[in-house]
Amino acid sequence: MTPPLTVAAVQSVPVTGDVVENLARAEYLLAQVPEADLVVFPELSLTGYDLDLLKNDPRAWFRPGDERLDPIREAVAARGACVVLGAPVEVKGRRHIASLVLTGIGPDVVAPKTYLHGAENDLVEPGAGPVVLAVADWKIALAVCFDTSVPEHAGAAGTAGAQVYVASVLYTAGEERKMADRMAARARDNGMWSVAANLGGHPVGERSSGGTGVWAPDGTLRAGATGRDEEIVIEILHAQTGPA
């Protein structure tokens, strides 16, 4: 029998361009999570969403094994957890907007954004589809923002056996319903849990939509943020036992 999975979705508020501060804040927020198997941060949580910054500042880019992430690796290793950070990542000369997964006991995992949006196409390369990995006996599929708009992305994750669809996202004011409907549909259509961690504060100069949350396999919201700023949403997931 698959044991429950405790997930923490972090609605963080990064300081755009201040990687040192964002790393410190991620480490602090991780310490505020009482206990979790999986901790999820939003899209580009380590830099803020600023494509001009990524275009012009090579220090904003991370690589697998980046020493700047060592304190977070040590923290998650000590807790026996897995953390998903949002970062611009360069792998063998190819640049991606990605989920960067750290456990502290194995190599970093890079899960690039598959479906790019707008000016992202001029800056980074797309991934080849959802990355699925094992976390505490569960299969977790990773998505980044616009991936959630494409049903086939979650469908491919479900076909690969994923039990949880984990998205690091950026949605702003006026997109509350869009975000909730998408995450509910991705869960319901594939009979799997879905998790979204949204940027809080004022990303891209607009108010966040908030809405960080966890949706059950039937599409119902099980836990959600109450505001639009920094907040941690925690939910215990139980494996699907009946038909989806």
C-alpha atoms as a PDB file:
ATOM      1  CA  MET A   1       0.000   0.000   0.000  1.00  0.00           C
ATOM      2  CA  THR A   2       1.372   3.406  -0.986  1.00  0.00           C
ATOM      3  CA  PRO A   3       1.891   5.632   2.084  1.00  0.00           C
ATOM      4  CA  PRO A   4       0.441   9.167   2.105  1.00  0.00           C
ATOM      5  CA  LEU A   5       2.470  11.975   0.551  1.00  0.00           C
ATOM      6  CA  THR A   6       2.710  15.313   2.368  1.00  0.00           C
ATOM      7  CA  VAL A   7       3.040  18.222  -0.067  1.00  0.00           C
ATOM      8  CA  ALA A   8       3.831  21.862   0.683  1.00  0.00           C
ATOM      9  CA  ALA A   9       3.125  24.385  -2.085  1.00  0.00           C
ATOM     10  CA  VAL A  10       4.941  27.667  -1.424  1.00  0.00           C
ATOM     11  CA  GLN A  11       3.495  30.929  -2.735  1.00  0.00           C
ATOM     12  CA  SER A  12       6.770  32.838  -2.567  1.00  0.00           C
ATOM     13  CA  VAL A  13       7.526  36.476  -3.418  1.00  0.00           C
ATOM     14  CA  PRO A  14      10.999  36.690  -4.956  1.00  0.00           C
ATOM     15  CA  VAL A  15      12.974  39.896  -5.334  1.00  0.00           C
ATOM     16  CA  THR A  16      13.459  40.227  -9.067  1.00  0.00           C
ATOM     17  CA  GLY A  17      17.122  39.890  -9.959  1.00  0.00           C
ATOM     18  CA  ASP A  18      18.385  39.285  -6.410  1.00  0.00           C
ATOM     19  CA  VAL A  19      19.421  35.646  -6.553  1.00  0.00           C
ATOM     20  CA  VAL A  20      21.244  35.772  -3.201  1.00  0.00           C
ATOM     21  CA  GLU A  21      18.152  37.075  -1.396  1.00  0.00           C
ATOM     22  CA  ASN A  22      15.869  34.613  -3.156  1.00  0.00           C
ATOM     23  CA  LEU A  23      18.088  31.675  -2.218  1.00  0.00           C
ATOM     24  CA  ALA A  24      18.109  32.809   1.403  1.00  0.00           C
ATOM     25  CA  ARG A  25      14.350  33.249   1.390  1.00  0.00           C
ATOM     26  CA  ALA A  26      13.806  29.804  -0.139  1.00  0.00           C
ATOM     27  CA  GLU A  27      15.965  28.291   2.599  1.00  0.00           C
ATOM     28  CA  TYR A  28      13.989  30.199   5.245  1.00  0.00           C
ATOM     29  CA  LEU A  29      10.613  29.147   3.834  1.00  0.00           C
ATOM     30  CA  LEU A  30      11.746  25.550   3.611  1.00  0.00           C
ATOM     31  CA  ALA A  31      12.518  25.702   7.334  1.00  0.00           C
ATOM     32  CA  GLN A  32       8.968  26.956   8.009  1.00  0.00           C
ATOM     33  CA  VAL A  33       7.412  23.793   6.555  1.00  0.00           C
ATOM     34  CA  PRO A  34       6.755  21.544   9.574  1.00  0.00           C
ATOM     35  CA  GLU A  35       7.069  18.282   7.683  1.00  0.00           C
ATOM     36  CA  ALA A  36       6.702  17.407   4.022  1.00  0.00           C
ATOM     37  CA  ASP A  37       7.892  14.874   1.492  1.00  0.00           C
ATOM     38  CA  LEU A  38       7.663  17.367  -1.377  1.00  0.00           C
ATOM     39  CA  VAL A  39       8.042  21.171  -1.281  1.00  0.00           C
ATOM     40  CA  VAL A  40       7.132  23.097  -4.449  1.00  0.00           C
ATOM     41  CA  PHE A  41       8.074  26.689  -5.337  1.00  0.00           C
ATOM     42  CA  PRO A  42       6.699  28.832  -8.222  1.00  0.00           C
ATOM     43  CA  GLU A  43       8.023  29.484 -11.707  1.00  0.00           C
ATOM     44  CA  LEU A  44      11.404  31.273 -11.666  1.00  0.00           C
ATOM     45  CA  SER A  45      11.240  31.550  -7.877  1.00  0.00           C
ATOM     46  CA  LEU A  46      15.021  32.035  -7.664  1.00  0.00           C
ATOM     47  CA  THR A  47      15.153  35.060  -9.981  1.00  0.00           C
ATOM     48  CA  GLY A  48      11.665  36.459 -10.407  1.00  0.00           C
ATOM     49  CA  TYR A  49      10.057  36.496 -13.841  1.00  0.00           C
ATOM     50  CA  ASP A  50      12.145  38.999 -15.824  1.00  0.00           C
ATOM     51  CA  LEU A  51      13.213  37.874 -19.284  1.00  0.00           C
ATOM     52  CA  ASP A  52      15.434  40.945 -19.811  1.00  0.00           C
ATOM     53  CA  LEU A  53      17.365  39.988 -16.690  1.00  0.00           C
ATOM     54  CA  LEU A  54      17.836  36.460 -17.986  1.00  0.00           C
ATOM     55  CA  LYS A  55      18.954  37.790 -21.343  1.00  0.00           C
ATOM     56  CA  ASN A  56      21.556  40.163 -19.905  1.00  0.00           C
ATOM     57  CA  ASP A  57      22.836  38.688 -16.635  1.00  0.00           C
ATOM     58  CA  PRO A  58      24.729  35.381 -16.861  1.00  0.00           C
ATOM     59  CA  ARG A  59      24.783  35.170 -13.040  1.00  0.00           C
ATOM     60  CA  ALA A  60      21.032  34.534 -13.060  1.00  0.00           C
ATOM     61  CA  TRP A  61      21.492  31.129 -14.682  1.00  0.00           C
ATOM     62  CA  PHE A  62      21.850  27.925 -12.700  1.00  0.00           C
ATOM     63  CA  ARG A  63      23.417  24.622 -13.636  1.00  0.00           C
ATOM     64  CA  PRO A  64      22.906  21.149 -12.171  1.00  0.00           C
ATOM     65  CA  GLY A  65      25.189  20.862  -9.144  1.00  0.00           C
ATOM     66  CA  ASP A  66      25.417  24.662  -8.744  1.00  0.00           C
ATOM     67  CA  GLU A  67      27.244  25.362  -5.458  1.00  0.00           C
ATOM     68  CA  ARG A  68      24.895  28.234  -4.639  1.00  0.00           C
ATOM     69  CA  LEU A  69      22.230  25.619  -3.946  1.00  0.00           C
ATOM     70  CA  ASP A  70      24.310  23.649  -1.421  1.00  0.00           C
ATOM     71  CA  PRO A  71      22.550  25.048   1.702  1.00  0.00           C
ATOM     72  CA  ILE A  72      19.161  24.004   0.298  1.00  0.00           C
ATOM     73  CA  ARG A  73      20.503  20.583  -0.676  1.00  0.00           C
ATOM     74  CA  GLU A  74      21.795  20.094   2.869  1.00  0.00           C
ATOM     75  CA  ALA A  75      18.467  21.183   4.337  1.00  0.00           C
ATOM     76  CA  VAL A  76      16.355  18.829   2.238  1.00  0.00           C
ATOM     77  CA  ALA A  77      18.775  15.941   2.788  1.00  0.00           C
ATOM     78  CA  ALA A  78      18.509  16.434   6.553  1.00  0.00           C
ATOM     79  CA  ARG A  79      14.719  16.431   6.324  1.00  0.00           C
ATOM     80  CA  GLY A  80      14.490  13.527   3.896  1.00  0.00           C
ATOM     81  CA  ALA A  81      12.503  15.734   1.549  1.00  0.00           C
ATOM     82  CA  CYS A  82      12.466  16.787  -2.095  1.00  0.00           C
ATOM     83  CA  VAL A  83      12.233  20.441  -3.178  1.00  0.00           C
ATOM     84  CA  VAL A  84      11.169  21.813  -6.561  1.00  0.00           C
ATOM     85  CA  LEU A  85      12.591  25.257  -7.309  1.00  0.00           C
ATOM     86  CA  GLY A  86      11.771  27.491 -10.270  1.00  0.00           C
ATOM     87  CA  ALA A  87      14.924  28.539 -12.074  1.00  0.00           C
ATOM     88  CA  PRO A  88      16.540  29.483 -15.366  1.00  0.00           C
ATOM     89  CA  VAL A  89      18.814  26.507 -16.015  1.00  0.00           C
ATOM     90  CA  GLU A  90      21.616  25.910 -18.490  1.00  0.00           C
ATOM     91  CA  VAL A  91      22.445  22.298 -19.354  1.00  0.00           C
ATOM     92  CA  LYS A  92      25.247  21.571 -21.819  1.00  0.00           C
ATOM     93  CA  GLY A  93      24.865  24.958 -23.455  1.00  0.00           C
ATOM     94  CA  ARG A  94      21.088  24.736 -23.766  1.00  0.00           C
ATOM     95  CA  ARG A  95      18.998  27.173 -21.751  1.00  0.00           C
ATOM     96  CA  HIS A  96      15.599  26.428 -20.237  1.00  0.00           C
ATOM     97  CA  ILE A  97      12.990  27.823 -17.890  1.00  0.00           C
ATOM     98  CA  ALA A  98      12.706  24.828 -15.626  1.00  0.00           C
ATOM     99  CA  SER A  99      11.783  23.097 -12.448  1.00  0.00           C
ATOM    100  CA  LEU A 100      15.005  22.254 -10.646  1.00  0.00           C
ATOM    101  CA  VAL A 101      14.591  19.328  -8.256  1.00  0.00           C
ATOM    102  CA  LEU A 102      16.909  18.874  -5.269  1.00  0.00           C
ATOM    103  CA  THR A 103      17.050  16.010  -2.787  1.00  0.00           C
ATOM    104  CA  GLY A 104      20.571  16.404  -1.432  1.00  0.00           C
ATOM    105  CA  ILE A 105      21.190  12.668  -1.790  1.00  0.00           C
ATOM    106  CA  GLY A 106      21.325  12.364  -5.565  1.00  0.00           C
ATOM    107  CA  PRO A 107      21.959  14.452  -8.663  1.00  0.00           C
ATOM    108  CA  ASP A 108      19.796  17.479  -9.359  1.00  0.00           C
ATOM    109  CA  VAL A 109      16.944  16.862 -11.805  1.00  0.00           C
ATOM    110  CA  VAL A 110      16.112  19.461 -14.467  1.00  0.00           C
ATOM    111  CA  ALA A 111      12.562  19.478 -15.853  1.00  0.00           C
ATOM    112  CA  PRO A 112      12.358  22.103 -18.638  1.00  0.00           C
ATOM    113  CA  LYS A 113       9.174  23.950 -19.520  1.00  0.00           C
ATOM    114  CA  THR A 114       7.677  22.205 -22.544  1.00  0.00           C
ATOM    115  CA  TYR A 115       5.291  24.860 -23.868  1.00  0.00           C
ATOM    116  CA  LEU A 116       6.865  28.299 -24.085  1.00  0.00           C
ATOM    117  CA  HIS A 117       4.938  31.549 -24.112  1.00  0.00           C
ATOM    118  CA  GLY A 118       5.589  34.793 -25.985  1.00  0.00           C
ATOM    119  CA  ALA A 119       9.128  36.177 -25.732  1.00  0.00           C
ATOM    120  CA  GLU A 120      10.301  33.019 -23.964  1.00  0.00           C
ATOM    121  CA  ASN A 121      10.631  31.471 -27.420  1.00  0.00           C
ATOM    122  CA  ASP A 122      13.452  33.906 -28.240  1.00  0.00           C
ATOM    123  CA  LEU A 123      15.356  33.180 -25.036  1.00  0.00           C
ATOM    124  CA  VAL A 124      15.127  29.502 -24.129  1.00  0.00           C
ATOM    125  CA  GLU A 125      14.529  26.077 -25.634  1.00  0.00           C
ATOM    126  CA  PRO A 126      11.484  23.928 -24.855  1.00  0.00           C
ATOM    127  CA  GLY A 127      11.582  20.622 -23.057  1.00  0.00           C
ATOM    128  CA  ALA A 128      10.471  17.357 -24.620  1.00  0.00           C
ATOM    129  CA  GLY A 129       7.506  16.687 -22.336  1.00  0.00           C
ATOM    130  CA  PRO A 130       6.771  16.118 -18.662  1.00  0.00           C
ATOM    131  CA  VAL A 131       9.556  14.716 -16.502  1.00  0.00           C
ATOM    132  CA  VAL A 132       8.282  12.017 -14.133  1.00  0.00           C
ATOM    133  CA  LEU A 133      10.276  11.051 -11.051  1.00  0.00           C
ATOM    134  CA  ALA A 134       9.802   9.017  -7.886  1.00  0.00           C
ATOM    135  CA  VAL A 135       9.255  10.791  -4.579  1.00  0.00           C
ATOM    136  CA  ALA A 136       8.514   8.715  -1.459  1.00  0.00           C
ATOM    137  CA  ASP A 137       6.996   5.819  -3.457  1.00  0.00           C
ATOM    138  CA  TRP A 138       4.872   8.207  -5.550  1.00  0.00           C
ATOM    139  CA  LYS A 139       5.327   9.143  -9.212  1.00  0.00           C
ATOM    140  CA  ILE A 140       5.458  12.918  -9.645  1.00  0.00           C
ATOM    141  CA  ALA A 141       5.179  14.743 -12.985  1.00  0.00           C
ATOM    142  CA  LEU A 142       6.608  18.248 -13.293  1.00  0.00           C
ATOM    143  CA  ALA A 143       5.117  21.160 -15.221  1.00  0.00           C
ATOM    144  CA  VAL A 144       5.902  24.861 -15.585  1.00  0.00           C
ATOM    145  CA  CYS A 145       3.109  27.414 -16.004  1.00  0.00           C
ATOM    146  CA  PHE A 146       1.952  27.389 -19.662  1.00  0.00           C
ATOM    147  CA  ASP A 147       2.317  23.598 -19.683  1.00  0.00           C
ATOM    148  CA  THR A 148      -0.865  23.541 -17.586  1.00  0.00           C
ATOM    149  CA  SER A 149      -2.808  25.078 -20.500  1.00  0.00           C
ATOM    150  CA  VAL A 150      -2.152  22.056 -22.712  1.00  0.00           C
ATOM    151  CA  PRO A 151      -4.203  18.984 -21.712  1.00  0.00           C
ATOM    152  CA  GLU A 152      -1.841  16.698 -23.624  1.00  0.00           C
ATOM    153  CA  HIS A 153       1.006  17.598 -21.266  1.00  0.00           C
ATOM    154  CA  ALA A 154      -0.818  16.265 -18.227  1.00  0.00           C
ATOM    155  CA  GLY A 155      -2.172  13.427 -20.350  1.00  0.00           C
ATOM    156  CA  ALA A 156       1.367  12.310 -21.174  1.00  0.00           C
ATOM    157  CA  ALA A 157       2.197  12.469 -17.470  1.00  0.00           C
ATOM    158  CA  GLY A 158      -0.784  10.262 -16.673  1.00  0.00           C
ATOM    159  CA  THR A 159       0.184   7.789 -19.375  1.00  0.00           C
ATOM    160  CA  ALA A 160       3.643   7.606 -17.805  1.00  0.00           C
ATOM    161  CA  GLY A 161       2.029   6.597 -14.517  1.00  0.00           C
ATOM    162  CA  ALA A 162       2.179   9.898 -12.661  1.00  0.00           C
ATOM    163  CA  GLN A 163      -0.022  10.135  -9.565  1.00  0.00           C
ATOM    164  CA  VAL A 164       0.624  13.854  -8.983  1.00  0.00           C
ATOM    165  CA  TYR A 165       0.930  16.706 -11.494  1.00  0.00           C
ATOM    166  CA  VAL A 166       3.123  19.386  -9.920  1.00  0.00           C
ATOM    167  CA  ALA A 167       3.162  22.833 -11.535  1.00  0.00           C
ATOM    168  CA  SER A 168       5.312  25.867 -10.777  1.00  0.00           C
ATOM    169  CA  VAL A 169       3.313  28.768 -12.194  1.00  0.00           C
ATOM    170  CA  LEU A 170       2.788  32.491 -12.684  1.00  0.00           C
ATOM    171  CA  TYR A 171      -0.810  33.728 -12.831  1.00  0.00           C
ATOM    172  CA  THR A 172      -1.816  37.331 -12.165  1.00  0.00           C
ATOM    173  CA  ALA A 173      -4.984  39.164 -11.087  1.00  0.00           C
ATOM    174  CA  GLY A 174      -7.891  38.375 -13.383  1.00  0.00           C
ATOM    175  CA  GLU A 175      -6.613  34.848 -14.049  1.00  0.00           C
ATOM    176  CA  GLU A 176      -7.920  33.286 -10.838  1.00  0.00           C
ATOM    177  CA  ARG A 177     -10.621  31.255 -12.555  1.00  0.00           C
ATOM    178  CA  LYS A 178      -8.324  30.244 -15.411  1.00  0.00           C
ATOM    179  CA  MET A 179      -5.713  28.853 -13.032  1.00  0.00           C
ATOM    180  CA  ALA A 180      -8.225  26.997 -10.852  1.00  0.00           C
ATOM    181  CA  ASP A 181     -10.102  25.540 -13.822  1.00  0.00           C
ATOM    182  CA  ARG A 182      -6.925  24.334 -15.482  1.00  0.00           C
ATOM    183  CA  MET A 183      -5.561  22.629 -12.377  1.00  0.00           C
ATOM    184  CA  ALA A 184      -8.933  21.033 -11.613  1.00  0.00           C
ATOM    185  CA  ALA A 185      -9.212  19.767 -15.202  1.00  0.00           C
ATOM    186  CA  ARG A 186      -5.689  18.363 -15.261  1.00  0.00           C
ATOM    187  CA  ALA A 187      -6.523  16.414 -12.084  1.00  0.00           C
ATOM    188  CA  ARG A 188     -10.016  15.285 -13.074  1.00  0.00           C
ATOM    189  CA  ASP A 189      -9.192  14.306 -16.652  1.00  0.00           C
ATOM    190  CA  ASN A 190      -6.302  12.089 -15.591  1.00  0.00           C
ATOM    191  CA  GLY A 191      -7.442  10.826 -12.202  1.00  0.00           C
ATOM    192  CA  MET A 192      -4.410  12.249 -10.423  1.00  0.00           C
ATOM    193  CA  TRP A 193      -3.691  14.898  -7.822  1.00  0.00           C
ATOM    194  CA  SER A 194      -2.567  18.305  -9.075  1.00  0.00           C
ATOM    195  CA  VAL A 195      -0.516  20.904  -7.228  1.00  0.00           C
ATOM    196  CA  ALA A 196       0.189  24.504  -8.239  1.00  0.00           C
ATOM    197  CA  ALA A 197       2.631  26.910  -6.574  1.00  0.00           C
ATOM    198  CA  ASN A 198       2.047  30.458  -7.830  1.00  0.00           C
ATOM    199  CA  LEU A 199       4.250  33.528  -7.530  1.00  0.00           C
ATOM    200  CA  GLY A 200       2.872  35.933  -4.922  1.00  0.00           C
ATOM    201  CA  GLY A 201       3.188  39.689  -4.582  1.00  0.00           C
ATOM    202  CA  HIS A 202       3.439  41.654  -7.823  1.00  0.00           C
ATOM    203  CA  PRO A 203       5.159  39.473 -10.433  1.00  0.00           C
ATOM    204  CA  VAL A 204       5.754  41.196 -13.797  1.00  0.00           C
ATOM    205  CA  GLY A 205       4.413  44.392 -12.190  1.00  0.00           C
ATOM    206  CA  GLU A 206       0.904  43.003 -11.743  1.00  0.00           C
ATOM    207  CA  ARG A 207      -0.887  41.705  -8.663  1.00  0.00           C
ATOM    208  CA  SER A 208      -0.641  37.974  -8.184  1.00  0.00           C
ATOM    209  CA  SER A 209      -3.826  35.961  -8.562  1.00  0.00           C
ATOM    210  CA  GLY A 210      -2.838  33.901  -5.519  1.00  0.00           C
ATOM    211  CA  GLY A 211      -4.554  30.549  -5.785  1.00  0.00           C
ATOM    212  CA  THR A 212      -1.681  28.273  -4.819  1.00  0.00           C
ATOM    213  CA  GLY A 213      -3.376  24.986  -4.056  1.00  0.00           C
ATOM    214  CA  VAL A 214      -3.876  21.238  -4.184  1.00  0.00           C
ATOM    215  CA  TRP A 215      -6.644  19.536  -6.192  1.00  0.00           C
ATOM    216  CA  ALA A 216      -7.860  15.982  -5.639  1.00  0.00           C
ATOM    217  CA  PRO A 217      -8.161  13.434  -8.481  1.00  0.00           C
ATOM    218  CA  ASP A 218     -11.858  14.312  -8.833  1.00  0.00           C
ATOM    219  CA  GLY A 219     -10.951  17.969  -9.464  1.00  0.00           C
ATOM    220  CA  THR A 220     -12.050  19.373  -6.113  1.00  0.00           C
ATOM    221  CA  LEU A 221      -9.838  21.891  -4.323  1.00  0.00           C
ATOM    222  CA  ARG A 222      -8.512  20.324  -1.126  1.00  0.00           C
ATOM    223  CA  ALA A 223      -6.303  23.156   0.141  1.00  0.00           C
ATOM    224  CA  GLY A 224      -5.667  26.669  -1.123  1.00  0.00           C
ATOM    225  CA  ALA A 225      -3.946  29.934  -0.300  1.00  0.00           C
ATOM    226  CA  THR A 226      -6.093  32.534   1.423  1.00  0.00           C
ATOM    227  CA  GLY A 227      -4.226  35.550   0.036  1.00  0.00           C
ATOM    228  CA  ARG A 228      -1.961  36.778  -2.753  1.00  0.00           C
ATOM    229  CA  ASP A 229       1.308  37.186  -0.898  1.00  0.00           C
ATOM    230  CA  GLU A 230       3.733  34.803   0.803  1.00  0.00           C
ATOM    231  CA  GLU A 231       1.967  31.684   2.061  1.00  0.00           C
ATOM    232  CA  ILE A 232       2.525  27.954   2.446  1.00  0.00           C
ATOM    233  CA  VAL A 233      -0.236  25.477   1.604  1.00  0.00           C
ATOM    234  CA  ILE A 234       0.104  21.959   3.007  1.00  0.00           C
ATOM    235  CA  GLU A 235      -1.956  18.897   2.152  1.00  0.00           C
ATOM    236  CA  ILE A 236      -1.631  15.148   2.732  1.00  0.00           C
ATOM    237  CA  LEU A 237      -2.245  13.149  -0.445  1.00  0.00           C
ATOM    238  CA  HIS A 238      -3.614   9.623  -0.429  1.00  0.00           C
ATOM    239  CA  ALA A 239      -3.128   7.231  -3.324  1.00  0.00           C
ATOM    240  CA  GLN A 240      -6.043   6.675  -5.674  1.00  0.00           C
ATOM    241  CA  THR A 241      -7.482   3.238  -4.906  1.00  0.00           C
ATOM    242  CA  GLY A 242     -10.486   3.037  -7.230  1.00  0.00           C
ATOM    243  CA  PRO A 243     -11.110   3.814 -10.898  1.00  0.00           C
ATOM    244  CA  ALA A 244     -10.110   7.320 -11.978  1.00  0.00           C
END
